[in-house]
Protein backbone atom coordinates (compact mmCIF):
# COMPACT_ATOMS: atom_id res chain seq x y z
CA UNK A 1 -22.69 -0.98 -16.81
CA UNK A 2 -22.40 1.43 -19.67
CA UNK A 3 -22.18 5.30 -19.31
CA UNK A 4 -25.33 5.52 -21.24
CA UNK A 5 -27.50 3.75 -18.66
CA UNK A 6 -25.75 4.93 -15.57
CA UNK A 7 -26.29 8.15 -13.72
CA UNK A 8 -24.75 9.57 -10.56
CA UNK A 9 -21.27 8.79 -9.08
CA UNK A 10 -19.72 5.84 -7.08
CA UNK A 11 -17.36 6.58 -4.30
CA UNK A 12 -15.00 3.80 -3.25
CA UNK A 13 -12.38 3.83 -0.43
CA UNK A 14 -8.86 3.05 -1.46
CA UNK A 15 -6.88 1.81 1.52
CA UNK A 16 -3.18 2.44 2.45
CA UNK A 17 -1.05 -0.52 3.57
CA UNK A 18 1.96 -1.13 5.67
CA UNK A 19 4.63 -3.78 5.45
CA UNK A 20 4.38 -5.81 8.87
CA UNK A 21 7.47 -7.62 7.49
CA UNK A 22 9.72 -6.92 4.35
CA UNK A 23 12.64 -8.61 3.40
CA UNK A 24 14.67 -8.20 0.21
CA UNK A 25 16.40 -11.44 -0.76
CA UNK A 26 18.15 -10.73 -4.03
CA UNK A 27 18.29 -8.73 -6.89
CA UNK A 28 16.94 -10.12 -10.16
CA UNK A 29 18.34 -10.14 -13.75
CA UNK A 30 15.54 -8.13 -14.84
CA UNK A 31 16.44 -5.35 -12.32
CA UNK A 32 13.81 -5.92 -9.95
CA UNK A 33 14.38 -7.57 -6.59
CA UNK A 34 12.82 -10.80 -4.92
CA UNK A 35 11.27 -10.25 -1.69
CA UNK A 36 9.27 -11.87 1.06
CA UNK A 37 6.77 -9.58 2.71
CA UNK A 38 3.70 -9.58 5.13
CA UNK A 39 1.53 -6.49 3.86
CA UNK A 40 -1.47 -5.32 5.81
CA UNK A 41 -4.21 -2.76 4.81
CA UNK A 42 -4.72 0.07 7.46
CA UNK A 43 -7.44 2.65 8.34
CA UNK A 44 -6.18 5.29 6.18
CA UNK A 45 -7.86 6.08 2.61
CA UNK A 46 -8.10 7.88 -0.42
CA UNK A 47 -11.56 8.20 -1.96
CA UNK A 48 -11.91 7.48 -5.70
CA UNK A 49 -15.11 9.05 -7.38
CA UNK A 50 -16.25 7.30 -10.48
CA UNK A 51 -18.60 9.27 -12.97
CA UNK A 52 -19.99 8.26 -16.38
CA UNK A 53 -18.01 9.51 -19.46
CA UNK A 54 -17.44 8.75 -22.98
CA UNK A 55 -13.65 8.48 -22.50
CA UNK A 56 -11.26 7.63 -19.64
CA UNK A 57 -10.33 10.79 -17.81
CA UNK A 58 -8.34 10.78 -14.57
CA UNK A 59 -7.68 13.55 -11.99
CA UNK A 60 -5.11 11.98 -9.74
CA UNK A 61 -5.05 14.51 -6.89
CA UNK A 62 -1.20 14.45 -7.33
CA UNK A 63 0.35 17.64 -8.36
CA UNK A 64 2.51 17.48 -11.54
CA UNK A 65 1.53 13.95 -12.24
CA UNK A 66 0.45 13.53 -16.04
CA UNK A 67 -2.54 11.39 -16.42
CA UNK A 68 -0.76 8.79 -18.86
CA UNK A 69 1.78 8.34 -15.97
CA UNK A 70 -0.99 7.85 -13.49
CA UNK A 71 -1.50 4.14 -12.24
CA UNK A 72 -5.36 4.69 -12.26
CA UNK A 73 -5.31 5.80 -16.05
CA UNK A 74 -3.16 2.87 -16.86
CA UNK A 75 -5.18 0.47 -14.97
CA UNK A 76 -8.44 1.64 -16.90
CA UNK A 77 -6.72 1.43 -20.21
CA UNK A 78 -5.30 -2.11 -19.28
CA UNK A 79 -8.68 -3.39 -18.44
CA UNK A 80 -10.26 -1.96 -21.62
CA UNK A 81 -7.47 -3.57 -23.62
CA UNK A 82 -7.95 -6.91 -21.90
CA UNK A 83 -11.75 -7.07 -22.25
CA UNK A 84 -12.26 -5.21 -25.71
CA UNK A 85 -14.47 -2.73 -23.77
CA UNK A 86 -14.95 0.77 -25.28
CA UNK A 87 -16.48 2.20 -22.10
CA UNK A 88 -15.37 5.40 -20.69
CA UNK A 89 -15.14 6.83 -17.12
CA UNK A 90 -14.13 9.96 -15.23
CA UNK A 91 -12.16 9.05 -12.04
CA UNK A 92 -11.35 11.54 -9.46
CA UNK A 93 -8.92 10.89 -6.39
CA UNK A 94 -9.44 12.75 -3.01
CA UNK A 95 -6.05 12.02 -1.64
CA UNK A 96 -5.36 11.41 1.93
CA UNK A 97 -2.49 8.87 1.74
CA UNK A 98 0.75 10.94 1.27
CA UNK A 99 2.86 10.08 -1.78
CA UNK A 100 6.37 8.45 -1.66
CA UNK A 101 5.66 7.24 1.92
CA UNK A 102 5.71 3.61 1.60
CA UNK A 103 1.93 3.31 2.22
CA UNK A 104 1.04 2.09 -1.26
CA UNK A 105 -1.33 4.85 -2.33
CA UNK A 106 -0.86 4.55 -5.98
CA UNK A 107 -0.86 0.95 -5.91
CA UNK A 108 -4.18 0.98 -4.00
CA UNK A 109 -5.74 3.39 -6.28
CA UNK A 110 -4.61 1.11 -9.19
CA UNK A 111 -6.19 -1.86 -7.69
CA UNK A 112 -9.51 0.06 -6.77
CA UNK A 113 -9.88 1.20 -10.41
CA UNK A 114 -9.39 -2.44 -11.66
CA UNK A 115 -11.85 -3.94 -9.34
CA UNK A 116 -14.39 -0.98 -9.46
CA UNK A 117 -14.33 -0.79 -13.34
CA UNK A 118 -14.73 -4.60 -13.87
CA UNK A 119 -18.03 -4.32 -11.93
CA UNK A 120 -19.20 -1.02 -13.51
CA UNK A 121 -18.37 -2.05 -17.04
CA UNK A 122 -19.69 -5.51 -16.40
CA UNK A 123 -16.61 -7.16 -17.71
CA UNK A 124 -16.73 -9.95 -15.30
CA UNK A 125 -13.03 -10.92 -15.16
CA UNK A 126 -12.27 -13.13 -12.14
CA UNK A 127 -9.83 -11.68 -9.46
CA UNK A 128 -7.04 -13.94 -10.54
CA UNK A 129 -7.13 -12.41 -14.05
CA UNK A 130 -7.25 -8.88 -12.50
CA UNK A 131 -4.22 -10.02 -10.59
CA UNK A 132 -2.45 -10.77 -13.73
CA UNK A 133 -3.27 -7.20 -15.21
CA UNK A 134 -2.38 -5.58 -11.94
CA UNK A 135 1.11 -7.29 -11.83
CA UNK A 136 1.86 -5.90 -15.30
CA UNK A 137 1.32 -2.56 -13.94
CA UNK A 138 3.45 -2.68 -10.91
CA UNK A 139 4.55 -4.84 -7.83
CA UNK A 140 1.98 -3.96 -5.10
CA UNK A 141 -1.43 -3.41 -6.95
CA UNK A 142 -2.28 -7.11 -6.85
CA UNK A 143 -2.19 -7.19 -3.12
CA UNK A 144 -4.87 -4.51 -2.86
CA UNK A 145 -7.23 -6.51 -4.93
CA UNK A 146 -7.51 -8.79 -1.65
CA UNK A 147 -6.53 -6.41 0.96
CA UNK A 148 -6.41 -7.44 4.59
CA UNK A 149 -3.27 -9.39 5.54
CA UNK A 150 -1.27 -11.39 2.98
CA UNK A 151 2.04 -12.98 2.36
CA UNK A 152 3.50 -11.32 -0.96
CA UNK A 153 6.67 -12.98 -2.78
CA UNK A 154 8.32 -12.57 -6.14
CA UNK A 155 8.78 -8.81 -6.62
CA UNK A 156 5.61 -8.42 -4.65
CA UNK A 157 2.98 -9.45 -7.32
CA UNK A 158 2.61 -13.32 -5.91
CA UNK A 159 -0.24 -12.91 -3.26
CA UNK A 160 -1.33 -15.42 -0.56
CA UNK A 161 -4.24 -14.04 1.68
CA UNK A 162 -3.73 -14.78 5.30
CA UNK A 163 -6.05 -14.64 8.19
CA UNK A 164 -6.68 -11.18 9.45
CA UNK A 165 -4.05 -9.97 11.86
CA UNK A 166 -5.07 -9.47 15.45
CA UNK A 167 -6.64 -6.30 16.25
CA UNK A 168 -4.19 -3.39 16.77
CA UNK A 169 -4.34 0.42 16.64
CA UNK A 170 -1.78 1.99 14.41
CA UNK A 171 -0.26 5.46 14.14
CA UNK A 172 1.35 6.24 10.84
CA UNK A 173 3.86 9.10 10.74
CA UNK A 174 6.00 10.76 8.20
CA UNK A 175 8.52 13.62 8.05
CA UNK A 176 8.36 16.27 5.54
CA UNK A 177 10.95 14.54 3.33
CA UNK A 178 9.86 11.92 0.86
CA UNK A 179 11.66 8.87 -0.63
CA UNK A 180 11.26 7.21 -4.14
CA UNK A 181 11.32 3.62 -4.42
CA UNK A 182 14.06 3.21 -7.05
CA UNK A 183 16.24 5.56 -4.97
CA UNK A 184 15.90 3.15 -1.85
CA UNK A 185 16.55 0.11 -3.75
CA UNK A 186 19.53 1.73 -5.42
CA UNK A 187 20.92 2.54 -1.90
CA UNK A 188 20.30 -1.02 -0.60
CA UNK A 189 23.49 -3.01 -0.20
CA UNK A 190 23.89 -6.57 -0.95
CA UNK A 191 24.93 -7.35 2.50
CA UNK A 192 21.77 -5.98 3.71
CA UNK A 193 19.77 -8.75 1.78
CA UNK A 194 18.17 -11.41 4.09
CA UNK A 195 16.84 -14.84 3.49
CA UNK A 196 13.09 -14.04 4.00
CA UNK A 197 12.79 -16.67 6.78
CA UNK A 198 11.69 -14.18 9.54
CA UNK A 199 8.89 -12.97 7.59
CA UNK A 200 7.89 -16.45 6.40
CA UNK A 201 7.63 -17.37 10.17
CA UNK A 202 5.64 -14.30 10.79
CA UNK A 203 3.23 -15.48 8.24
CA UNK A 204 3.01 -18.89 9.79
CA UNK A 205 2.19 -17.23 13.26
CA UNK A 206 -0.55 -15.23 11.60
CA UNK A 207 -2.15 -18.28 10.35
CA UNK A 208 -2.29 -19.42 14.03
CA UNK A 209 -3.68 -15.90 14.93
CA UNK A 210 -0.41 -14.60 16.44
CA UNK A 211 1.51 -11.42 15.45
CA UNK A 212 4.93 -11.90 16.70
CA UNK A 213 6.56 -8.46 17.02
CA UNK A 214 10.03 -10.31 17.37
CA UNK A 215 9.68 -11.51 13.65
CA UNK A 216 8.69 -8.06 12.17
CA UNK A 217 11.51 -6.35 10.23
CA UNK A 218 12.14 -4.28 7.17
CA UNK A 219 15.69 -4.74 5.72
CA UNK A 220 15.26 -1.72 3.59
CA UNK A 221 15.38 0.57 6.71
CA UNK A 222 19.07 1.17 6.78
CA UNK A 223 19.08 2.38 3.28
CA UNK A 224 16.19 4.75 4.16
CA UNK A 225 17.66 6.06 7.07
CA UNK A 226 20.92 6.71 5.45
CA UNK A 227 18.76 8.65 2.67
CA UNK A 228 16.47 10.39 5.13
CA UNK A 229 17.91 10.96 8.57
CA UNK A 230 14.69 12.85 9.53
CA UNK A 231 13.03 9.43 10.00
CA UNK A 232 15.27 8.77 12.88
CA UNK A 233 13.53 11.05 15.41
CA UNK A 234 10.08 10.06 14.17
CA UNK A 235 10.80 6.38 14.74
CA UNK A 236 12.33 7.14 18.23
CA UNK A 237 9.05 9.21 19.24
CA UNK A 238 6.83 6.25 17.96
CA UNK A 239 9.16 3.83 20.11
CA UNK A 240 8.36 5.79 23.36
CA UNK A 241 4.78 4.86 23.33
CA UNK A 242 4.14 1.96 20.88
CA UNK A 243 4.11 -1.64 21.67
CA UNK A 244 6.20 -1.91 18.41
CA UNK A 245 7.29 0.50 15.76
CA UNK A 246 9.48 0.19 12.48
CA UNK A 247 9.60 1.87 8.99
CA UNK A 248 7.13 0.84 6.52
CA UNK A 249 7.69 -0.18 2.62
CA UNK A 250 10.16 1.78 0.45
CA UNK A 251 9.13 5.34 1.53
CA UNK A 252 9.77 7.70 4.40
CA UNK A 253 6.86 6.72 6.68
CA UNK A 254 7.01 4.79 10.01
CA UNK A 255 4.42 3.30 12.11
CA UNK A 256 3.63 2.19 15.55
CA UNK A 257 1.38 -0.54 16.96
CA UNK A 258 -0.76 -0.02 20.08
CA UNK A 259 -3.26 -2.15 21.97
CA UNK A 260 -5.33 0.97 23.10
CA UNK A 261 -6.64 3.93 21.55
CA UNK A 262 -5.68 6.49 24.24
CA UNK A 263 -2.05 5.73 23.96
CA UNK A 264 -2.21 6.00 20.00
CA UNK A 265 -4.00 9.43 20.35
CA UNK A 266 -1.11 10.59 22.50
CA UNK A 267 1.51 9.57 20.04
CA UNK A 268 -0.44 11.45 17.22
CA UNK A 269 -0.52 14.56 19.50
CA UNK A 270 3.21 14.24 20.14
CA UNK A 271 3.81 13.99 16.51
CA UNK A 272 1.85 17.06 15.48
CA UNK A 273 3.56 19.01 18.21
CA UNK A 274 6.83 18.25 16.53
CA UNK A 275 5.38 19.29 12.96
CA UNK A 276 5.11 15.78 11.78
CA UNK A 277 2.38 14.45 9.68
CA UNK A 278 0.63 11.68 11.63
CA UNK A 279 -2.52 9.64 11.20
CA UNK A 280 -4.35 7.05 13.41
CA UNK A 281 -6.41 3.97 12.57
CA UNK A 282 -6.67 0.19 12.84
CA UNK A 283 -5.36 -2.70 10.95
CA UNK A 284 -8.30 -3.41 8.37
CA UNK A 285 -9.07 -7.00 7.56
CA UNK A 286 -10.06 -8.34 4.19
CA UNK A 287 -13.81 -8.52 4.75
CA UNK A 288 -13.85 -4.85 6.09
CA UNK A 289 -11.53 -3.52 3.25
């Protein structure tokens, strides 16, 4: 759909994620790390607003981020280069997902731009080709093209969709401090690598409709806690009420899983009383995402 025959705006949710399992197995020769992860979209979202324009223009909603360094801008450019399109678009982000939190906000925005522009520009690429473009932009964007629950491998760009995880409430919590992904991986010690088998077993259980808390782990957690000790009391508070709690991804956020909304609300209130950012939602399946 070209800017010349399209009026108005399109608003699209861009969901956050947590890692229900994340094991770093080795460091690669190209500087990246091989991993095995189960990723899950959750009910916290940015809103991306698409408006007709002659050129590509992006307002990231992230203070200090130059447009050319924004994954949304890079995604739009990459799609145009891959398809030969000369279309433009103005894209604005209304941010709710905190940055450098391990919740995948930038990667989610990137995937939503690829998916939405592929439709609005009528470029018609299949999701597999969009995933190839996404993988060239970062490790996590490809997952968000599917959303829901998925097993990811390689450096995160290889995605195997799984059945939706069992229904759970989730509380996300983050101290004031943030962590950068490169900084966390630099802090990770070789002795903290694992073989990925627990996370593969977690995925196998999910294929049968089970979410086994005993198989959930993130072996970046020791590095994160060394770099950001403020995460420790956040994690401890979540453990008091949650059925299960752990750190998510490579940022400074933690999450707790709950069977009922009332207990989750109590946890959010307790976090707020401690001056900690917190948000409550549910695990979001692929069909809803």
